[in-house]
PDB file of N, CA and C in Angstrom:
ATOM      1  N   VAL A   1      -7.310 -14.876  16.931  1.00  0.00           N
ATOM      2  CA  VAL A   1      -5.666 -13.825  15.835  1.00  0.00           C
ATOM      3  C   VAL A   1      -5.676 -14.963  14.601  1.00  0.00           C
ATOM      4  N   PHE A   2      -5.929 -14.776  13.375  1.00  0.00           N
ATOM      5  CA  PHE A   2      -5.395 -15.368  12.373  1.00  0.00           C
ATOM      6  C   PHE A   2      -3.892 -15.415  11.914  1.00  0.00           C
ATOM      7  N   GLU A   3      -3.552 -16.508  12.057  1.00  0.00           N
ATOM      8  CA  GLU A   3      -1.884 -16.315  11.718  1.00  0.00           C
ATOM      9  C   GLU A   3      -1.636 -15.982   9.826  1.00  0.00           C
ATOM     10  N   LYS A   4      -0.757 -15.127   9.921  1.00  0.00           N
ATOM     11  CA  LYS A   4      -0.673 -14.644   8.728  1.00  0.00           C
ATOM     12  C   LYS A   4       0.484 -15.533   7.764  1.00  0.00           C
ATOM     13  N   HIS A   5       0.920 -16.309   8.620  1.00  0.00           N
ATOM     14  CA  HIS A   5       2.205 -16.992   8.236  1.00  0.00           C
ATOM     15  C   HIS A   5       1.292 -18.610   8.082  1.00  0.00           C
ATOM     16  N   VAL A   6       0.002 -18.816   6.916  1.00  0.00           N
ATOM     17  CA  VAL A   6      -0.093 -20.385   7.072  1.00  0.00           C
ATOM     18  C   VAL A   6       0.006 -20.832   5.937  1.00  0.00           C
ATOM     19  N   GLU A   7      -0.244 -21.923   5.549  1.00  0.00           N
ATOM     20  CA  GLU A   7      -0.420 -22.839   4.616  1.00  0.00           C
ATOM     21  C   GLU A   7      -1.411 -22.904   3.504  1.00  0.00           C
ATOM     22  N   LEU A   8      -2.274 -21.819   3.385  1.00  0.00           N
ATOM     23  CA  LEU A   8      -3.635 -21.654   3.168  1.00  0.00           C
ATOM     24  C   LEU A   8      -3.473 -21.031   2.097  1.00  0.00           C
ATOM     25  N   PRO A   9      -4.522 -20.655   1.046  1.00  0.00           N
ATOM     26  CA  PRO A   9      -4.385 -20.205  -0.308  1.00  0.00           C
ATOM     27  C   PRO A   9      -5.337 -18.705   0.082  1.00  0.00           C
ATOM     28  N   GLY A  10      -4.153 -17.607  -0.185  1.00  0.00           N
ATOM     29  CA  GLY A  10      -4.598 -16.660  -0.334  1.00  0.00           C
ATOM     30  C   GLY A  10      -6.613 -15.949  -0.277  1.00  0.00           C
ATOM     31  N   ASP A  11      -7.260 -16.418  -1.263  1.00  0.00           N
ATOM     32  CA  ASP A  11      -8.327 -16.261  -1.270  1.00  0.00           C
ATOM     33  C   ASP A  11      -9.200 -16.859  -0.076  1.00  0.00           C
ATOM     34  N   TYR A  12      -8.619 -17.693   1.005  1.00  0.00           N
ATOM     35  CA  TYR A  12      -9.274 -18.268   2.257  1.00  0.00           C
ATOM     36  C   TYR A  12      -9.150 -17.134   3.256  1.00  0.00           C
ATOM     37  N   PHE A  13      -8.429 -16.186   2.928  1.00  0.00           N
ATOM     38  CA  PHE A  13      -8.833 -14.990   3.855  1.00  0.00           C
ATOM     39  C   PHE A  13      -9.381 -13.758   3.575  1.00  0.00           C
ATOM     40  N   PRO A  14      -9.760 -13.184   3.960  1.00  0.00           N
ATOM     41  CA  PRO A  14     -10.555 -11.968   3.784  1.00  0.00           C
ATOM     42  C   PRO A  14      -9.789 -11.205   2.882  1.00  0.00           C
ATOM     43  N   SER A  15     -10.683 -10.097   2.212  1.00  0.00           N
ATOM     44  CA  SER A  15      -9.126  -8.830   1.753  1.00  0.00           C
ATOM     45  C   SER A  15      -8.759  -8.226   2.827  1.00  0.00           C
ATOM     46  N   GLN A  16      -9.559  -8.288   3.965  1.00  0.00           N
ATOM     47  CA  GLN A  16      -8.386  -7.143   5.044  1.00  0.00           C
ATOM     48  C   GLN A  16      -6.950  -7.939   5.243  1.00  0.00           C
ATOM     49  N   PHE A  17      -6.965  -9.433   5.342  1.00  0.00           N
ATOM     50  CA  PHE A  17      -5.937 -10.254   5.297  1.00  0.00           C
ATOM     51  C   PHE A  17      -5.115 -10.066   3.999  1.00  0.00           C
ATOM     52  N   ASP A  18      -5.465 -10.022   2.863  1.00  0.00           N
ATOM     53  CA  ASP A  18      -4.751  -9.554   2.002  1.00  0.00           C
ATOM     54  C   ASP A  18      -3.846  -8.535   1.726  1.00  0.00           C
ATOM     55  N   LEU A  19      -4.651  -7.182   2.103  1.00  0.00           N
ATOM     56  CA  LEU A  19      -4.343  -6.059   2.033  1.00  0.00           C
ATOM     57  C   LEU A  19      -2.841  -6.174   3.086  1.00  0.00           C
ATOM     58  N   LEU A  20      -3.062  -6.742   4.261  1.00  0.00           N
ATOM     59  CA  LEU A  20      -1.693  -6.688   5.206  1.00  0.00           C
ATOM     60  C   LEU A  20      -0.722  -7.965   4.611  1.00  0.00           C
ATOM     61  N   ASP A  21      -1.024  -8.801   4.280  1.00  0.00           N
ATOM     62  CA  ASP A  21      -0.078  -9.375   3.438  1.00  0.00           C
ATOM     63  C   ASP A  21       0.705  -9.143   2.600  1.00  0.00           C
ATOM     64  N   ASN A  22      -0.095  -7.863   1.699  1.00  0.00           N
ATOM     65  CA  ASN A  22       0.462  -7.232   0.829  1.00  0.00           C
ATOM     66  C   ASN A  22       1.175  -6.329   0.947  1.00  0.00           C
ATOM     67  N   SER A  23       0.892  -5.640   2.163  1.00  0.00           N
ATOM     68  CA  SER A  23       1.821  -4.588   2.559  1.00  0.00           C
ATOM     69  C   SER A  23       3.319  -4.605   2.965  1.00  0.00           C
TER      70      SER A  23
END
């Protein structure tokens, strides 16, 4: 499981993580 609170660019994670972060 990847932590959503990481110091990495949004592009680093798949669109799925982007949607979760945006939600």
